[in-house]
Amino acid sequence: MGEVIALLDSLIKKYPALMDDSTTENIAALLRMNSDSRENKRIKEVLKID
């Protein structure tokens, strides 16, 4: 999971426009399906999702 988070972080730094409202909503929906709250928290931090 650490590698995925690092990849997401680098993508957002290179292409910040990827995180528009629609993308944010879709990622939030996917995170709701994941039961690991620590992973979800870290992903939200990296993607700057509340």
PDB file of N, CA and C in Angstrom:
ATOM      1  N   MET A   1       0.826  -1.196   0.000  1.00  0.00           N
ATOM      2  CA  MET A   1       0.000   0.000   0.000  1.00  0.00           C
ATOM      3  C   MET A   1       0.863   1.250   0.000  1.00  0.00           C
ATOM      4  N   GLY A   2       2.009   1.157   0.649  1.00  0.00           N
ATOM      5  CA  GLY A   2       2.912   2.302   0.688  1.00  0.00           C
ATOM      6  C   GLY A   2       3.346   2.762  -0.695  1.00  0.00           C
ATOM      7  N   GLU A   3       3.565   1.808  -1.595  1.00  0.00           N
ATOM      8  CA  GLU A   3       3.963   2.143  -2.959  1.00  0.00           C
ATOM      9  C   GLU A   3       2.828   2.848  -3.706  1.00  0.00           C
ATOM     10  N   VAL A   4       1.613   2.407  -3.467  1.00  0.00           N
ATOM     11  CA  VAL A   4       0.451   3.031  -4.111  1.00  0.00           C
ATOM     12  C   VAL A   4       0.307   4.470  -3.638  1.00  0.00           C
ATOM     13  N   ILE A   5       0.452   4.689  -2.348  1.00  0.00           N
ATOM     14  CA  ILE A   5       0.337   6.037  -1.792  1.00  0.00           C
ATOM     15  C   ILE A   5       1.434   6.935  -2.349  1.00  0.00           C
ATOM     16  N   ALA A   6       2.654   6.409  -2.453  1.00  0.00           N
ATOM     17  CA  ALA A   6       3.756   7.199  -3.008  1.00  0.00           C
ATOM     18  C   ALA A   6       3.479   7.551  -4.467  1.00  0.00           C
ATOM     19  N   LEU A   7       2.924   6.606  -5.213  1.00  0.00           N
ATOM     20  CA  LEU A   7       2.587   6.873  -6.610  1.00  0.00           C
ATOM     21  C   LEU A   7       1.503   7.937  -6.721  1.00  0.00           C
ATOM     22  N   LEU A   8       0.463   7.828  -5.899  1.00  0.00           N
ATOM     23  CA  LEU A   8      -0.597   8.848  -5.903  1.00  0.00           C
ATOM     24  C   LEU A   8      -0.020  10.219  -5.567  1.00  0.00           C
ATOM     25  N   ASP A   9       0.847  10.267  -4.586  1.00  0.00           N
ATOM     26  CA  ASP A   9       1.457  11.538  -4.183  1.00  0.00           C
ATOM     27  C   ASP A   9       2.234  12.155  -5.335  1.00  0.00           C
ATOM     28  N   SER A  10       3.033  11.353  -6.032  1.00  0.00           N
ATOM     29  CA  SER A  10       3.821  11.900  -7.134  1.00  0.00           C
ATOM     30  C   SER A  10       2.932  12.344  -8.292  1.00  0.00           C
ATOM     31  N   LEU A  11       1.864  11.598  -8.567  1.00  0.00           N
ATOM     32  CA  LEU A  11       0.939  12.000  -9.633  1.00  0.00           C
ATOM     33  C   LEU A  11       0.270  13.333  -9.334  1.00  0.00           C
ATOM     34  N   ILE A  12      -0.173  13.504  -8.103  1.00  0.00           N
ATOM     35  CA  ILE A  12      -0.860  14.744  -7.734  1.00  0.00           C
ATOM     36  C   ILE A  12       0.101  15.927  -7.770  1.00  0.00           C
ATOM     37  N   LYS A  13       1.345  15.698  -7.384  1.00  0.00           N
ATOM     38  CA  LYS A  13       2.327  16.790  -7.445  1.00  0.00           C
ATOM     39  C   LYS A  13       2.606  17.193  -8.889  1.00  0.00           C
ATOM     40  N   LYS A  14       2.673  16.212  -9.794  1.00  0.00           N
ATOM     41  CA  LYS A  14       2.956  16.508 -11.199  1.00  0.00           C
ATOM     42  C   LYS A  14       1.731  17.043 -11.931  1.00  0.00           C
ATOM     43  N   TYR A  15       0.549  16.516 -11.590  1.00  0.00           N
ATOM     44  CA  TYR A  15      -0.684  16.854 -12.303  1.00  0.00           C
ATOM     45  C   TYR A  15      -1.800  17.213 -11.330  1.00  0.00           C
ATOM     46  N   PRO A  16      -1.701  18.352 -10.679  1.00  0.00           N
ATOM     47  CA  PRO A  16      -2.706  18.718  -9.672  1.00  0.00           C
ATOM     48  C   PRO A  16      -4.122  18.846 -10.233  1.00  0.00           C
ATOM     49  N   ALA A  17      -4.249  19.103 -11.515  1.00  0.00           N
ATOM     50  CA  ALA A  17      -5.580  19.241 -12.113  1.00  0.00           C
ATOM     51  C   ALA A  17      -6.346  17.920 -12.140  1.00  0.00           C
ATOM     52  N   LEU A  18      -5.660  16.810 -11.904  1.00  0.00           N
ATOM     53  CA  LEU A  18      -6.340  15.514 -11.855  1.00  0.00           C
ATOM     54  C   LEU A  18      -7.361  15.437 -10.725  1.00  0.00           C
ATOM     55  N   MET A  19      -7.147  16.201  -9.686  1.00  0.00           N
ATOM     56  CA  MET A  19      -8.022  16.127  -8.518  1.00  0.00           C
ATOM     57  C   MET A  19      -9.143  17.155  -8.605  1.00  0.00           C
ATOM     58  N   ASP A  20      -9.942  17.044  -9.649  1.00  0.00           N
ATOM     59  CA  ASP A  20     -11.113  17.903  -9.739  1.00  0.00           C
ATOM     60  C   ASP A  20     -12.219  17.324  -8.855  1.00  0.00           C
ATOM     61  N   ASP A  21     -13.350  17.991  -8.793  1.00  0.00           N
ATOM     62  CA  ASP A  21     -14.440  17.550  -7.914  1.00  0.00           C
ATOM     63  C   ASP A  21     -14.922  16.143  -8.235  1.00  0.00           C
ATOM     64  N   SER A  22     -15.031  15.834  -9.511  1.00  0.00           N
ATOM     65  CA  SER A  22     -15.517  14.522  -9.926  1.00  0.00           C
ATOM     66  C   SER A  22     -14.559  13.414  -9.482  1.00  0.00           C
ATOM     67  N   THR A  23     -13.277  13.633  -9.687  1.00  0.00           N
ATOM     68  CA  THR A  23     -12.279  12.644  -9.279  1.00  0.00           C
ATOM     69  C   THR A  23     -12.285  12.467  -7.769  1.00  0.00           C
ATOM     70  N   THR A  24     -12.375  13.564  -7.051  1.00  0.00           N
ATOM     71  CA  THR A  24     -12.411  13.511  -5.593  1.00  0.00           C
ATOM     72  C   THR A  24     -13.605  12.692  -5.109  1.00  0.00           C
ATOM     73  N   GLU A  25     -14.749  12.921  -5.699  1.00  0.00           N
ATOM     74  CA  GLU A  25     -15.956  12.170  -5.313  1.00  0.00           C
ATOM     75  C   GLU A  25     -15.800  10.679  -5.605  1.00  0.00           C
ATOM     76  N   ASN A  26     -15.227  10.347  -6.750  1.00  0.00           N
ATOM     77  CA  ASN A  26     -15.038   8.943  -7.114  1.00  0.00           C
ATOM     78  C   ASN A  26     -14.061   8.245  -6.178  1.00  0.00           C
ATOM     79  N   ILE A  27     -12.987   8.919  -5.832  1.00  0.00           N
ATOM     80  CA  ILE A  27     -12.016   8.326  -4.907  1.00  0.00           C
ATOM     81  C   ILE A  27     -12.635   8.162  -3.531  1.00  0.00           C
ATOM     82  N   ALA A  28     -13.379   9.143  -3.078  1.00  0.00           N
ATOM     83  CA  ALA A  28     -14.047   9.040  -1.782  1.00  0.00           C
ATOM     84  C   ALA A  28     -14.999   7.846  -1.754  1.00  0.00           C
ATOM     85  N   ALA A  29     -15.708   7.603  -2.849  1.00  0.00           N
ATOM     86  CA  ALA A  29     -16.617   6.453  -2.929  1.00  0.00           C
ATOM     87  C   ALA A  29     -15.838   5.145  -2.843  1.00  0.00           C
ATOM     88  N   LEU A  30     -14.708   5.077  -3.513  1.00  0.00           N
ATOM     89  CA  LEU A  30     -13.879   3.872  -3.436  1.00  0.00           C
ATOM     90  C   LEU A  30     -13.328   3.656  -2.028  1.00  0.00           C
ATOM     91  N   LEU A  31     -12.946   4.734  -1.375  1.00  0.00           N
ATOM     92  CA  LEU A  31     -12.404   4.611  -0.022  1.00  0.00           C
ATOM     93  C   LEU A  31     -13.459   4.131   0.962  1.00  0.00           C
ATOM     94  N   ARG A  32     -14.701   4.488   0.738  1.00  0.00           N
ATOM     95  CA  ARG A  32     -15.774   4.019   1.623  1.00  0.00           C
ATOM     96  C   ARG A  32     -15.907   2.498   1.564  1.00  0.00           C
ATOM     97  N   MET A  33     -15.506   1.890   0.460  1.00  0.00           N
ATOM     98  CA  MET A  33     -15.557   0.432   0.321  1.00  0.00           C
ATOM     99  C   MET A  33     -14.380  -0.256   1.010  1.00  0.00           C
ATOM    100  N   ASN A  34     -13.335   0.496   1.307  1.00  0.00           N
ATOM    101  CA  ASN A  34     -12.144  -0.060   1.948  1.00  0.00           C
ATOM    102  C   ASN A  34     -12.321  -0.005   3.460  1.00  0.00           C
ATOM    103  N   SER A  35     -12.144  -1.130   4.113  1.00  0.00           N
ATOM    104  CA  SER A  35     -12.371  -1.179   5.563  1.00  0.00           C
ATOM    105  C   SER A  35     -11.150  -0.771   6.384  1.00  0.00           C
ATOM    106  N   ASP A  36     -10.015  -0.535   5.748  1.00  0.00           N
ATOM    107  CA  ASP A  36      -8.802  -0.172   6.484  1.00  0.00           C
ATOM    108  C   ASP A  36      -8.765   1.345   6.672  1.00  0.00           C
ATOM    109  N   SER A  37      -9.132   1.786   7.846  1.00  0.00           N
ATOM    110  CA  SER A  37      -9.233   3.228   8.100  1.00  0.00           C
ATOM    111  C   SER A  37      -7.874   3.921   8.066  1.00  0.00           C
ATOM    112  N   ARG A  38      -6.804   3.216   8.453  1.00  0.00           N
ATOM    113  CA  ARG A  38      -5.465   3.834   8.397  1.00  0.00           C
ATOM    114  C   ARG A  38      -5.060   4.113   6.956  1.00  0.00           C
ATOM    115  N   GLU A  39      -5.309   3.154   6.067  1.00  0.00           N
ATOM    116  CA  GLU A  39      -5.006   3.362   4.652  1.00  0.00           C
ATOM    117  C   GLU A  39      -5.832   4.509   4.096  1.00  0.00           C
ATOM    118  N   ASN A  40      -7.107   4.505   4.410  1.00  0.00           N
ATOM    119  CA  ASN A  40      -7.990   5.562   3.925  1.00  0.00           C
ATOM    120  C   ASN A  40      -7.517   6.933   4.383  1.00  0.00           C
ATOM    121  N   LYS A  41      -7.137   7.034   5.639  1.00  0.00           N
ATOM    122  CA  LYS A  41      -6.678   8.315   6.184  1.00  0.00           C
ATOM    123  C   LYS A  41      -5.438   8.797   5.441  1.00  0.00           C
ATOM    124  N   ARG A  42      -4.496   7.893   5.215  1.00  0.00           N
ATOM    125  CA  ARG A  42      -3.252   8.266   4.539  1.00  0.00           C
ATOM    126  C   ARG A  42      -3.517   8.686   3.088  1.00  0.00           C
ATOM    127  N   ILE A  43      -4.380   7.949   2.399  1.00  0.00           N
ATOM    128  CA  ILE A  43      -4.722   8.293   1.021  1.00  0.00           C
ATOM    129  C   ILE A  43      -5.387   9.660   0.965  1.00  0.00           C
ATOM    130  N   LYS A  44      -6.304   9.914   1.897  1.00  0.00           N
ATOM    131  CA  LYS A  44      -6.967  11.224   1.933  1.00  0.00           C
ATOM    132  C   LYS A  44      -5.972  12.344   2.195  1.00  0.00           C
ATOM    133  N   GLU A  45      -5.003  12.096   3.070  1.00  0.00           N
ATOM    134  CA  GLU A  45      -3.978  13.104   3.345  1.00  0.00           C
ATOM    135  C   GLU A  45      -3.177  13.428   2.101  1.00  0.00           C
ATOM    136  N   VAL A  46      -2.742  12.383   1.395  1.00  0.00           N
ATOM    137  CA  VAL A  46      -1.929  12.572   0.201  1.00  0.00           C
ATOM    138  C   VAL A  46      -2.699  13.311  -0.890  1.00  0.00           C
ATOM    139  N   LEU A  47      -3.983  12.951  -1.041  1.00  0.00           N
ATOM    140  CA  LEU A  47      -4.791  13.555  -2.090  1.00  0.00           C
ATOM    141  C   LEU A  47      -5.495  14.836  -1.648  1.00  0.00           C
ATOM    142  N   LYS A  48      -5.286  15.203  -0.392  1.00  0.00           N
ATOM    143  CA  LYS A  48      -5.893  16.413   0.175  1.00  0.00           C
ATOM    144  C   LYS A  48      -7.410  16.391   0.055  1.00  0.00           C
ATOM    145  N   ILE A  49      -7.993  15.253   0.459  1.00  0.00           N
ATOM    146  CA  ILE A  49      -9.439  15.071   0.478  1.00  0.00           C
ATOM    147  C   ILE A  49      -9.891  15.128   1.923  1.00  0.00           C
ATOM    148  N   ASP A  50     -10.941  15.871   2.196  1.00  0.00           N
ATOM    149  CA  ASP A  50     -11.464  15.947   3.566  1.00  0.00           C
ATOM    150  C   ASP A  50     -12.304  14.756   3.905  1.00  0.00           C
TER     151      ASP A  50
END
